[in-house]
Amino acid sequence: MVDHKTFPEKMPDQPGPSLDSWSLWVSLDKQETVSRGWPSINWEVAEIAQQTDREDAVAIWLMLHRDERMAYRFNLSSEAPRLFVICEDLTAELRLPRKLTLAQDVAADYMDAGQPVLSIPMPAPIKVWLEAFMAHHGEVEDPRAGKRRLRTQSAAKS
């Protein structure tokens, strides 16, 4: 399990994130269990860090995109904001992390396509970084909100 309290704010020998990208190392752990006599393999995120000693860690850029700001705000305003790790199963015994996202709809698209997606609570430094991105680029209003407001107003007049 990831120890989210030890996620580094900034490592002295590693550059910090830019406004829209952050290079991170991601490691997964495989948990083999037996349920009702059948073997089962479950995967979880073991570590996300700016540097690591784990040999199985994969370097991945966490990229933020202006056109996903509405999804980022939805994630940030949820009760438990999440960081999503999109994976690839190379074999039945080997799963590798391939992409990081903070947009739930992007993660859902990968899941709909049959790719495994893991998630963890969003580490505090990533949440602060995402808020700075949102403050820099501004909020995006839901284009459907105006239509709902107009429909509600016209229904009230009738």
C-alpha atoms as a PDB file:
ATOM      1  CA  MET A   1       0.000   0.000   0.000  1.00  0.00           C
ATOM      2  CA  VAL A   2       1.220   3.507  -0.762  1.00  0.00           C
ATOM      3  CA  ASP A   3       2.267   5.583   2.211  1.00  0.00           C
ATOM      4  CA  HIS A   4       0.731   8.842   0.987  1.00  0.00           C
ATOM      5  CA  LYS A   5       2.236  10.854   3.832  1.00  0.00           C
ATOM      6  CA  THR A   6       5.775  10.251   2.596  1.00  0.00           C
ATOM      7  CA  PHE A   7       5.163  11.493  -0.952  1.00  0.00           C
ATOM      8  CA  PRO A   8       8.027  13.954  -1.464  1.00  0.00           C
ATOM      9  CA  GLU A   9       7.257  17.650  -1.787  1.00  0.00           C
ATOM     10  CA  LYS A  10      10.423  18.106  -3.840  1.00  0.00           C
ATOM     11  CA  MET A  11      13.532  15.961  -3.977  1.00  0.00           C
ATOM     12  CA  PRO A  12      16.800  17.936  -3.749  1.00  0.00           C
ATOM     13  CA  ASP A  13      18.409  16.269  -6.793  1.00  0.00           C
ATOM     14  CA  GLN A  14      15.208  16.080  -8.865  1.00  0.00           C
ATOM     15  CA  PRO A  15      13.537  19.006 -10.599  1.00  0.00           C
ATOM     16  CA  GLY A  16      10.033  19.726  -9.399  1.00  0.00           C
ATOM     17  CA  PRO A  17       7.018  19.751 -11.638  1.00  0.00           C
ATOM     18  CA  SER A  18       6.456  22.303 -14.377  1.00  0.00           C
ATOM     19  CA  LEU A  19       3.065  23.994 -14.622  1.00  0.00           C
ATOM     20  CA  ASP A  20       1.583  21.101 -16.616  1.00  0.00           C
ATOM     21  CA  SER A  21       3.877  18.064 -16.256  1.00  0.00           C
ATOM     22  CA  TRP A  22       5.552  16.079 -13.494  1.00  0.00           C
ATOM     23  CA  SER A  23       7.933  13.144 -13.943  1.00  0.00           C
ATOM     24  CA  LEU A  24       7.124  10.405 -11.431  1.00  0.00           C
ATOM     25  CA  TRP A  25       8.135   6.811 -10.732  1.00  0.00           C
ATOM     26  CA  VAL A  26       5.320   4.292 -10.368  1.00  0.00           C
ATOM     27  CA  SER A  27       5.590   0.794  -8.862  1.00  0.00           C
ATOM     28  CA  LEU A  28       2.914  -1.861  -8.578  1.00  0.00           C
ATOM     29  CA  ASP A  29       2.614  -4.778  -6.161  1.00  0.00           C
ATOM     30  CA  LYS A  30       1.011  -8.084  -7.040  1.00  0.00           C
ATOM     31  CA  GLN A  31      -1.082  -9.765  -4.350  1.00  0.00           C
ATOM     32  CA  GLU A  32      -1.773 -13.470  -4.864  1.00  0.00           C
ATOM     33  CA  THR A  33      -4.687 -14.840  -2.865  1.00  0.00           C
ATOM     34  CA  VAL A  34      -6.986 -17.859  -2.864  1.00  0.00           C
ATOM     35  CA  SER A  35     -10.715 -17.267  -2.808  1.00  0.00           C
ATOM     36  CA  ARG A  36     -13.029 -20.290  -2.447  1.00  0.00           C
ATOM     37  CA  GLY A  37     -10.216 -22.505  -3.623  1.00  0.00           C
ATOM     38  CA  TRP A  38      -9.407 -20.455  -6.729  1.00  0.00           C
ATOM     39  CA  PRO A  39      -6.180 -18.491  -7.099  1.00  0.00           C
ATOM     40  CA  SER A  40      -6.641 -14.772  -7.648  1.00  0.00           C
ATOM     41  CA  ILE A  41      -4.198 -11.999  -8.506  1.00  0.00           C
ATOM     42  CA  ASN A  42      -4.886  -8.442  -7.399  1.00  0.00           C
ATOM     43  CA  TRP A  43      -2.699  -5.449  -8.169  1.00  0.00           C
ATOM     44  CA  GLU A  44      -2.239  -2.232  -6.226  1.00  0.00           C
ATOM     45  CA  VAL A  45      -0.105   0.868  -6.538  1.00  0.00           C
ATOM     46  CA  ALA A  46       2.907   0.317  -4.293  1.00  0.00           C
ATOM     47  CA  GLU A  47       4.668   3.648  -4.746  1.00  0.00           C
ATOM     48  CA  ILE A  48       4.492   6.923  -6.627  1.00  0.00           C
ATOM     49  CA  ALA A  49       7.530   9.101  -6.064  1.00  0.00           C
ATOM     50  CA  GLN A  50       9.949  11.525  -7.702  1.00  0.00           C
ATOM     51  CA  GLN A  51      12.755   9.042  -7.146  1.00  0.00           C
ATOM     52  CA  THR A  52      12.890   5.449  -5.996  1.00  0.00           C
ATOM     53  CA  ASP A  53      15.189   2.540  -5.236  1.00  0.00           C
ATOM     54  CA  ARG A  54      12.712  -0.008  -6.590  1.00  0.00           C
ATOM     55  CA  GLU A  55      13.957  -1.838  -9.654  1.00  0.00           C
ATOM     56  CA  ASP A  56      10.420  -2.449 -10.914  1.00  0.00           C
ATOM     57  CA  ALA A  57       9.525   1.269 -10.995  1.00  0.00           C
ATOM     58  CA  VAL A  58       8.447   2.815 -14.287  1.00  0.00           C
ATOM     59  CA  ALA A  59       9.026   6.501 -15.081  1.00  0.00           C
ATOM     60  CA  ILE A  60       5.809   8.182 -16.257  1.00  0.00           C
ATOM     61  CA  TRP A  61       4.938  11.807 -16.934  1.00  0.00           C
ATOM     62  CA  LEU A  62       1.782  13.047 -15.255  1.00  0.00           C
ATOM     63  CA  MET A  63       0.507  15.561 -17.796  1.00  0.00           C
ATOM     64  CA  LEU A  64      -2.228  18.144 -17.282  1.00  0.00           C
ATOM     65  CA  HIS A  65      -4.328  19.365 -20.205  1.00  0.00           C
ATOM     66  CA  ARG A  66      -6.370  22.560 -20.358  1.00  0.00           C
ATOM     67  CA  ASP A  67      -9.286  20.788 -22.046  1.00  0.00           C
ATOM     68  CA  GLU A  68      -9.625  18.450 -19.022  1.00  0.00           C
ATOM     69  CA  ARG A  69     -10.069  21.234 -16.437  1.00  0.00           C
ATOM     70  CA  MET A  70     -13.744  20.431 -15.853  1.00  0.00           C
ATOM     71  CA  ALA A  71     -12.801  16.806 -15.064  1.00  0.00           C
ATOM     72  CA  TYR A  72     -10.001  17.985 -12.752  1.00  0.00           C
ATOM     73  CA  ARG A  73     -12.420  20.243 -10.856  1.00  0.00           C
ATOM     74  CA  PHE A  74     -14.889  17.370 -10.552  1.00  0.00           C
ATOM     75  CA  ASN A  75     -12.113  15.186  -9.087  1.00  0.00           C
ATOM     76  CA  LEU A  76     -10.863  17.896  -6.719  1.00  0.00           C
ATOM     77  CA  SER A  77     -14.371  18.660  -5.460  1.00  0.00           C
ATOM     78  CA  SER A  78     -15.154  15.010  -4.768  1.00  0.00           C
ATOM     79  CA  GLU A  79     -15.105  13.639  -1.254  1.00  0.00           C
ATOM     80  CA  ALA A  80     -11.907  11.673  -1.981  1.00  0.00           C
ATOM     81  CA  PRO A  81      -9.886  12.985  -4.980  1.00  0.00           C
ATOM     82  CA  ARG A  82      -8.073  10.199  -6.867  1.00  0.00           C
ATOM     83  CA  LEU A  83      -4.963   9.677  -8.975  1.00  0.00           C
ATOM     84  CA  PHE A  84      -5.538   7.077 -11.697  1.00  0.00           C
ATOM     85  CA  VAL A  85      -2.886   4.683 -13.018  1.00  0.00           C
ATOM     86  CA  ILE A  86      -3.686   3.171 -16.407  1.00  0.00           C
ATOM     87  CA  CYS A  87      -1.931  -0.172 -16.798  1.00  0.00           C
ATOM     88  CA  GLU A  88      -1.169  -2.787 -19.412  1.00  0.00           C
ATOM     89  CA  ASP A  89      -1.211  -6.526 -18.791  1.00  0.00           C
ATOM     90  CA  LEU A  90       1.779  -7.940 -20.687  1.00  0.00           C
ATOM     91  CA  THR A  91       1.092 -11.443 -19.400  1.00  0.00           C
ATOM     92  CA  ALA A  92      -1.180 -12.966 -16.772  1.00  0.00           C
ATOM     93  CA  GLU A  93       1.651 -12.436 -14.287  1.00  0.00           C
ATOM     94  CA  LEU A  94       2.994  -9.038 -15.407  1.00  0.00           C
ATOM     95  CA  ARG A  95       1.179  -5.701 -15.274  1.00  0.00           C
ATOM     96  CA  LEU A  96       2.943  -2.409 -15.997  1.00  0.00           C
ATOM     97  CA  PRO A  97       1.798   1.165 -15.326  1.00  0.00           C
ATOM     98  CA  ARG A  98       1.586   3.112 -18.622  1.00  0.00           C
ATOM     99  CA  LYS A  99      -0.173   6.422 -17.963  1.00  0.00           C
ATOM    100  CA  LEU A 100      -1.198   8.683 -15.092  1.00  0.00           C
ATOM    101  CA  THR A 101      -4.258  10.909 -15.103  1.00  0.00           C
ATOM    102  CA  LEU A 102      -6.255  13.026 -12.710  1.00  0.00           C
ATOM    103  CA  ALA A 103      -9.369  12.944 -14.913  1.00  0.00           C
ATOM    104  CA  GLN A 104     -11.894  10.275 -13.983  1.00  0.00           C
ATOM    105  CA  ASP A 105     -13.476  10.307 -17.453  1.00  0.00           C
ATOM    106  CA  VAL A 106     -10.094   9.562 -19.072  1.00  0.00           C
ATOM    107  CA  ALA A 107      -9.623   6.628 -16.689  1.00  0.00           C
ATOM    108  CA  ALA A 108     -13.167   5.440 -17.451  1.00  0.00           C
ATOM    109  CA  ASP A 109     -12.452   5.523 -21.208  1.00  0.00           C
ATOM    110  CA  TYR A 110      -9.466   3.214 -20.688  1.00  0.00           C
ATOM    111  CA  MET A 111     -11.554   0.909 -18.507  1.00  0.00           C
ATOM    112  CA  ASP A 112     -14.278   0.807 -21.177  1.00  0.00           C
ATOM    113  CA  ALA A 113     -11.580  -0.252 -23.655  1.00  0.00           C
ATOM    114  CA  GLY A 114     -10.645  -3.161 -21.371  1.00  0.00           C
ATOM    115  CA  GLN A 115      -7.448  -1.753 -19.911  1.00  0.00           C
ATOM    116  CA  PRO A 116      -6.846  -2.157 -16.183  1.00  0.00           C
ATOM    117  CA  VAL A 117      -6.981   1.058 -14.159  1.00  0.00           C
ATOM    118  CA  LEU A 118      -5.859   1.406 -10.551  1.00  0.00           C
ATOM    119  CA  SER A 119      -6.432   4.420  -8.347  1.00  0.00           C
ATOM    120  CA  ILE A 120      -5.109   5.832  -5.115  1.00  0.00           C
ATOM    121  CA  PRO A 121      -6.053   8.834  -3.013  1.00  0.00           C
ATOM    122  CA  MET A 122      -4.508  11.910  -4.624  1.00  0.00           C
ATOM    123  CA  PRO A 123      -1.265  12.743  -2.763  1.00  0.00           C
ATOM    124  CA  ALA A 124      -1.344  16.225  -1.183  1.00  0.00           C
ATOM    125  CA  PRO A 125       1.555  17.641  -3.272  1.00  0.00           C
ATOM    126  CA  ILE A 126      -0.212  16.610  -6.484  1.00  0.00           C
ATOM    127  CA  LYS A 127      -3.447  18.186  -5.239  1.00  0.00           C
ATOM    128  CA  VAL A 128      -1.627  21.473  -4.543  1.00  0.00           C
ATOM    129  CA  TRP A 129       0.044  21.319  -7.972  1.00  0.00           C
ATOM    130  CA  LEU A 130      -3.308  20.657  -9.685  1.00  0.00           C
ATOM    131  CA  GLU A 131      -4.938  23.577  -7.842  1.00  0.00           C
ATOM    132  CA  ALA A 132      -2.092  25.842  -9.065  1.00  0.00           C
ATOM    133  CA  PHE A 133      -2.707  24.652 -12.641  1.00  0.00           C
ATOM    134  CA  MET A 134      -6.419  25.391 -12.267  1.00  0.00           C
ATOM    135  CA  ALA A 135      -5.723  28.844 -10.796  1.00  0.00           C
ATOM    136  CA  HIS A 136      -3.323  29.678 -13.633  1.00  0.00           C
ATOM    137  CA  HIS A 137      -5.639  28.588 -16.465  1.00  0.00           C
ATOM    138  CA  GLY A 138      -8.978  29.475 -14.873  1.00  0.00           C
ATOM    139  CA  GLU A 139     -12.116  27.463 -14.346  1.00  0.00           C
ATOM    140  CA  VAL A 140     -14.269  26.121 -17.155  1.00  0.00           C
ATOM    141  CA  GLU A 141     -18.014  26.474 -16.807  1.00  0.00           C
ATOM    142  CA  ASP A 142     -20.062  23.429 -17.709  1.00  0.00           C
ATOM    143  CA  PRO A 143     -21.665  24.335 -21.066  1.00  0.00           C
ATOM    144  CA  ARG A 144     -24.786  22.346 -20.077  1.00  0.00           C
ATOM    145  CA  ALA A 145     -25.281  24.506 -16.965  1.00  0.00           C
ATOM    146  CA  GLY A 146     -26.638  27.445 -18.989  1.00  0.00           C
ATOM    147  CA  LYS A 147     -29.083  25.234 -20.864  1.00  0.00           C
ATOM    148  CA  ARG A 148     -30.351  23.720 -17.612  1.00  0.00           C
ATOM    149  CA  ARG A 149     -30.772  27.193 -16.137  1.00  0.00           C
ATOM    150  CA  LEU A 150     -32.721  28.366 -19.216  1.00  0.00           C
ATOM    151  CA  ARG A 151     -34.969  25.286 -19.139  1.00  0.00           C
ATOM    152  CA  THR A 152     -35.653  25.771 -15.430  1.00  0.00           C
ATOM    153  CA  GLN A 153     -36.507  29.453 -15.937  1.00  0.00           C
ATOM    154  CA  SER A 154     -38.842  28.766 -18.870  1.00  0.00           C
ATOM    155  CA  ALA A 155     -40.590  25.955 -16.951  1.00  0.00           C
ATOM    156  CA  ALA A 156     -41.125  28.301 -14.011  1.00  0.00           C
ATOM    157  CA  LYS A 157     -42.784  30.910 -16.264  1.00  0.00           C
ATOM    158  CA  SER A 158     -45.250  28.373 -17.703  1.00  0.00           C
END
